[in-house]
Amino acid sequence: MDRRQASFPSAWTLRRSDGRVVAAAIHDGTGLRDEVRRAMALSDADRLREEDPYTGQAVASVPDHVIAGRSRFEIDLNRSADTAVYRTPDQSWGMKVWHAPPDDGLVARSLEIHARFYRMMAAWLAEIEADHGRFVLLDVHSYNHMRSGPEGPPTPQQEAPDVNIGTFSMPRERWAWLVDPLIEAMRGVDFGGRRLDVRENIAFQGRGALTRFVHSRFPENGCAIAVEFKKFFMDEWTGVPDPAELAEMRAFIAFVAETARELLDGA
């Protein structure tokens, strides 16, 4: 089935074990409720280009993970509730999302998904905190670097690392003992015969709602790290992925999660 036409029966899928490292791919989803699809003016191709496809595959090997099933254009789980439904083009990269402004009922039903998600995350992470004390959440995303078009120049490498680590909302000094060696470990990974350019707070700073939620709700024990892959693993204009790169991404995130666990256990 064409990913762009896929539908999802649920707003997210969740896998739980007894671990203390969680991986999230909350922009992976492409699904839309029927009422949202009917109201939406945005084409599937334009929508896919601003979603984070295949990040769900990247986190799937982590024993504790959550993967969004709905498109961020239905409800953006990485924005606060007041901006989680894109109402105007300035909230959505200048794109017109709706044929007409969405009605209050549609917006309310989307916002209920947002509220349920954060209630679920609060309860889940509280259980992890009760069992283990400190924990890590890896908030996995991807970002575009070919915005000039499929034949245009990419964003210069100095502005677009292969992996951008976002730590803006984190009490950085409190977690330096974990974050610094974790970033160094990422830089040492053999990624299909090469080393990735991994840098902190370059293309993005980790200002999303999920990382802010973790640090606000669990200020003593929660460390949330935004991990943004440049879309080197796919053609961001057609949506076609490179299967070998996806496999490397999955192994990369599994390694990062295991390294984070070892750092937590050794602290």
Protein backbone atom coordinates (compact mmCIF):
# COMPACT_ATOMS: atom_id res chain seq x y z
CA MET A 1 0.00 0.00 0.00
CA ASP A 2 1.21 3.51 -0.84
CA ARG A 3 2.26 5.08 2.47
CA ARG A 4 0.64 8.36 1.49
CA GLN A 5 -2.76 6.65 1.27
CA ALA A 6 -2.37 4.56 4.41
CA SER A 7 -4.97 4.84 7.15
CA PHE A 8 -4.48 4.12 10.81
CA PRO A 9 -7.22 2.84 13.13
CA SER A 10 -5.61 4.41 16.18
CA ALA A 11 -3.94 7.70 17.03
CA TRP A 12 -0.77 5.93 18.13
CA THR A 13 0.74 2.53 18.77
CA LEU A 14 2.53 1.77 22.00
CA ARG A 15 4.95 -0.92 23.07
CA ARG A 16 5.93 -1.21 26.71
CA SER A 17 8.47 -3.31 28.55
CA ASP A 18 10.10 -2.64 31.90
CA GLY A 19 12.82 -0.34 30.57
CA ARG A 20 13.91 3.17 31.49
CA VAL A 21 14.56 4.45 27.95
CA VAL A 22 11.60 5.39 25.74
CA ALA A 23 11.74 6.22 22.03
CA ALA A 24 8.99 8.32 20.44
CA ALA A 25 8.16 9.03 16.79
CA ILE A 26 5.25 11.41 17.17
CA HIS A 27 5.43 12.90 13.65
CA ASP A 28 5.62 9.55 11.85
CA GLY A 29 1.89 9.31 11.23
CA THR A 30 0.13 9.99 7.94
CA GLY A 31 -3.41 8.93 8.88
CA LEU A 32 -6.38 11.31 8.82
CA ARG A 33 -9.92 11.02 10.13
CA ASP A 34 -12.45 11.10 7.31
CA GLU A 35 -13.81 14.48 8.42
CA VAL A 36 -10.30 15.93 8.41
CA ARG A 37 -9.50 14.53 4.98
CA ARG A 38 -12.68 16.04 3.53
CA ALA A 39 -11.89 19.45 5.00
CA MET A 40 -8.23 19.47 3.98
CA ALA A 41 -7.01 21.36 0.90
CA LEU A 42 -3.40 20.20 1.24
CA SER A 43 -2.31 17.50 -1.19
CA ASP A 44 -0.96 14.19 0.10
CA ALA A 45 2.43 14.93 -1.48
CA ASP A 46 2.76 18.33 0.18
CA ARG A 47 1.60 16.90 3.48
CA LEU A 48 4.07 14.00 3.38
CA ARG A 49 6.93 16.39 2.71
CA GLU A 50 6.41 18.07 6.09
CA GLU A 51 5.76 14.87 8.02
CA ASP A 52 8.52 12.66 9.43
CA PRO A 53 7.98 9.40 7.54
CA TYR A 54 9.90 6.27 8.55
CA THR A 55 10.89 7.62 11.97
CA GLY A 56 8.50 5.02 13.35
CA GLN A 57 10.62 2.32 11.74
CA ALA A 58 13.68 3.92 13.31
CA VAL A 59 12.34 3.56 16.87
CA ALA A 60 10.68 0.17 16.47
CA SER A 61 13.61 -1.83 17.87
CA VAL A 62 13.56 0.04 21.20
CA PRO A 63 11.59 -2.11 23.67
CA ASP A 64 9.65 0.91 24.98
CA HIS A 65 8.34 3.09 22.17
CA VAL A 66 5.36 5.07 20.93
CA ILE A 67 4.62 5.83 17.26
CA ALA A 68 1.98 8.30 16.11
CA GLY A 69 -0.57 7.09 13.60
CA ARG A 70 -2.18 10.41 12.71
CA SER A 71 -0.70 13.14 10.58
CA ARG A 72 0.65 16.23 12.27
CA PHE A 73 -1.76 18.11 9.97
CA GLU A 74 -4.64 16.52 11.86
CA ILE A 75 -3.10 17.07 15.30
CA ASP A 76 0.50 18.02 16.04
CA LEU A 77 1.51 16.19 19.19
CA ASN A 78 4.72 18.18 19.37
CA ARG A 79 2.99 21.53 19.79
CA SER A 80 1.11 22.91 22.74
CA ALA A 81 -2.67 22.55 22.61
CA ASP A 82 -3.27 26.14 21.50
CA THR A 83 -1.25 25.61 18.29
CA ALA A 84 -1.62 21.84 17.80
CA VAL A 85 -4.21 22.30 15.02
CA TYR A 86 -2.73 24.36 12.20
CA ARG A 87 -5.38 27.00 11.51
CA THR A 88 -3.47 29.50 9.36
CA PRO A 89 -0.65 29.23 6.79
CA ASP A 90 1.82 30.97 9.09
CA GLN A 91 1.51 27.95 11.41
CA SER A 92 2.22 25.49 8.59
CA TRP A 93 5.19 26.67 6.52
CA GLY A 94 3.02 28.98 4.45
CA MET A 95 0.82 26.16 3.15
CA LYS A 96 -2.96 26.37 2.98
CA VAL A 97 -4.16 23.35 4.96
CA TRP A 98 -7.96 23.79 4.83
CA HIS A 99 -10.55 24.57 2.17
CA ALA A 100 -12.20 26.77 4.81
CA PRO A 101 -11.36 27.41 8.46
CA PRO A 102 -11.99 24.14 10.36
CA ASP A 103 -15.13 24.16 12.46
CA ASP A 104 -15.00 24.07 16.23
CA GLY A 105 -16.20 20.48 16.44
CA LEU A 106 -13.44 19.16 14.19
CA VAL A 107 -10.82 21.10 16.15
CA ALA A 108 -12.20 19.86 19.48
CA ARG A 109 -12.09 16.23 18.35
CA SER A 110 -8.48 16.66 17.25
CA LEU A 111 -7.52 18.34 20.50
CA GLU A 112 -9.00 15.44 22.46
CA ILE A 113 -6.41 13.19 20.79
CA HIS A 114 -3.71 15.60 21.97
CA ALA A 115 -5.08 15.60 25.52
CA ARG A 116 -5.36 11.79 25.61
CA PHE A 117 -1.80 11.42 24.34
CA TYR A 118 -0.35 13.57 27.09
CA ARG A 119 -2.46 11.89 29.75
CA MET A 120 -1.11 8.57 28.53
CA MET A 121 2.49 9.81 28.49
CA ALA A 122 2.16 11.29 31.98
CA ALA A 123 0.91 7.99 33.41
CA TRP A 124 3.46 5.87 31.53
CA LEU A 125 6.47 8.00 32.43
CA ALA A 126 5.30 8.26 36.05
CA GLU A 127 5.37 4.47 36.24
CA ILE A 128 8.88 4.40 34.79
CA GLU A 129 9.99 7.04 37.29
CA ALA A 130 8.47 5.05 40.15
CA ASP A 131 10.23 1.87 39.02
CA HIS A 132 13.60 3.27 37.95
CA GLY A 133 14.03 6.87 39.08
CA ARG A 134 15.84 8.60 36.24
CA PHE A 135 14.82 7.87 32.67
CA VAL A 136 15.52 9.04 29.10
CA LEU A 137 13.07 9.79 26.30
CA LEU A 138 14.43 9.93 22.75
CA ASP A 139 12.14 12.19 20.70
CA VAL A 140 12.94 11.12 17.12
CA HIS A 141 12.15 13.36 14.13
CA SER A 142 13.42 14.16 10.65
CA TYR A 143 13.86 17.38 8.72
CA ASN A 144 14.04 18.65 5.16
CA HIS A 145 17.22 19.92 3.52
CA MET A 146 16.10 20.20 -0.13
CA ARG A 147 13.65 23.06 0.21
CA SER A 148 14.78 24.66 -3.07
CA GLY A 149 13.25 21.74 -4.95
CA PRO A 150 14.37 18.27 -6.05
CA GLU A 151 16.96 19.72 -8.42
CA GLY A 152 17.96 22.65 -6.23
CA PRO A 153 20.92 22.93 -3.89
CA PRO A 154 20.65 21.30 -0.47
CA THR A 155 20.98 23.26 2.75
CA PRO A 156 24.72 23.68 3.40
CA GLN A 157 26.16 20.96 5.61
CA GLN A 158 27.35 23.44 8.24
CA GLU A 159 23.68 24.37 8.79
CA ALA A 160 22.25 20.87 8.43
CA PRO A 161 24.01 18.09 10.35
CA ASP A 162 23.06 14.50 9.57
CA VAL A 163 21.73 14.22 13.11
CA ASN A 164 20.73 17.29 15.08
CA ILE A 165 20.49 16.85 18.85
CA GLY A 166 18.06 19.28 20.48
CA THR A 167 18.51 20.12 24.15
CA PHE A 168 16.89 23.56 24.51
CA SER A 169 14.36 22.70 27.22
CA MET A 170 16.75 20.45 29.13
CA PRO A 171 18.54 21.54 32.30
CA ARG A 172 21.77 20.92 30.38
CA GLU A 173 24.24 21.00 33.25
CA ARG A 174 22.15 18.51 35.20
CA TRP A 175 22.31 15.98 32.37
CA ALA A 176 25.75 16.70 30.87
CA TRP A 177 27.11 13.46 32.35
CA LEU A 178 24.69 11.55 30.10
CA VAL A 179 24.23 13.79 27.06
CA ASP A 180 27.91 14.47 26.32
CA PRO A 181 29.06 10.83 26.18
CA LEU A 182 25.86 9.89 24.34
CA ILE A 183 26.60 12.39 21.56
CA GLU A 184 30.17 11.15 21.33
CA ALA A 185 28.89 7.59 21.07
CA MET A 186 26.61 8.64 18.20
CA ARG A 187 29.55 10.17 16.35
CA GLY A 188 31.43 6.90 16.62
CA VAL A 189 28.75 4.70 15.06
CA ASP A 190 29.62 2.95 11.81
CA PHE A 191 26.60 4.00 9.75
CA GLY A 192 26.83 1.97 6.57
CA GLY A 193 30.57 2.55 6.31
CA ARG A 194 30.58 6.21 7.31
CA ARG A 195 30.38 8.39 10.43
CA LEU A 196 27.46 10.76 10.80
CA ASP A 197 27.79 14.48 11.43
CA VAL A 198 26.10 14.74 14.85
CA ARG A 199 25.83 18.21 16.38
CA GLU A 200 23.76 19.93 19.01
CA ASN A 201 21.20 22.72 18.52
CA ILE A 202 22.15 23.64 14.94
CA ALA A 203 19.15 23.11 12.64
CA PHE A 204 16.76 22.73 15.59
CA GLN A 205 17.01 23.27 19.32
CA GLY A 206 14.57 20.73 20.75
CA ARG A 207 11.83 23.24 21.58
CA GLY A 208 8.93 20.85 20.92
CA ALA A 209 6.09 20.15 23.32
CA LEU A 210 7.10 16.58 24.15
CA THR A 211 10.58 17.40 25.44
CA ARG A 212 9.24 20.44 27.29
CA PHE A 213 6.53 18.26 28.85
CA VAL A 214 9.07 15.74 30.13
CA HIS A 215 11.32 18.37 31.67
CA SER A 216 8.40 20.23 33.23
CA ARG A 217 6.52 17.19 34.52
CA PHE A 218 9.57 15.21 35.66
CA PRO A 219 12.15 17.90 36.51
CA GLU A 220 14.30 15.67 38.72
CA ASN A 221 14.34 12.44 36.78
CA GLY A 222 13.28 12.97 33.16
CA CYS A 223 15.82 13.61 30.38
CA ALA A 224 14.23 14.18 26.96
CA ILE A 225 16.53 14.46 23.94
CA ALA A 226 15.30 15.51 20.50
CA VAL A 227 17.02 13.47 17.76
CA GLU A 228 16.46 14.98 14.30
CA PHE A 229 17.64 13.05 11.24
CA LYS A 230 18.24 15.02 8.09
CA LYS A 231 16.23 13.29 5.35
CA PHE A 232 19.31 11.76 3.75
CA PHE A 233 17.55 8.39 4.06
CA MET A 234 14.81 9.27 1.54
CA ASP A 235 13.88 11.50 -1.36
CA GLU A 236 11.99 14.20 0.47
CA TRP A 237 10.13 15.24 -2.71
CA THR A 238 8.85 11.80 -3.75
CA GLY A 239 8.76 10.16 -0.31
CA VAL A 240 10.74 7.16 -1.58
CA PRO A 241 13.11 5.78 1.10
CA ASP A 242 16.46 4.01 0.84
CA PRO A 243 15.86 0.65 2.58
CA ALA A 244 19.53 0.25 3.52
CA GLU A 245 19.57 3.67 5.19
CA LEU A 246 16.37 2.87 7.08
CA ALA A 247 17.96 -0.29 8.44
CA GLU A 248 21.00 1.72 9.57
CA MET A 249 18.73 4.29 11.25
CA ARG A 250 16.93 1.56 13.15
CA ALA A 251 20.24 0.08 14.34
CA PHE A 252 21.48 3.57 15.21
CA ILE A 253 18.49 4.37 17.45
CA ALA A 254 18.67 0.93 19.08
CA PHE A 255 22.34 1.60 19.86
CA VAL A 256 21.60 5.08 21.24
CA ALA A 257 18.84 3.71 23.47
CA GLU A 258 21.07 0.93 24.79
CA THR A 259 23.92 3.37 25.42
CA ALA A 260 21.57 5.71 27.29
CA ARG A 261 20.41 2.77 29.42
CA GLU A 262 23.99 1.82 30.24
CA LEU A 263 24.78 5.40 31.23
CA LEU A 264 21.71 5.51 33.48
CA ASP A 265 22.52 2.16 35.05
CA GLY A 266 26.11 3.18 35.69
CA ALA A 267 25.33 6.53 37.27
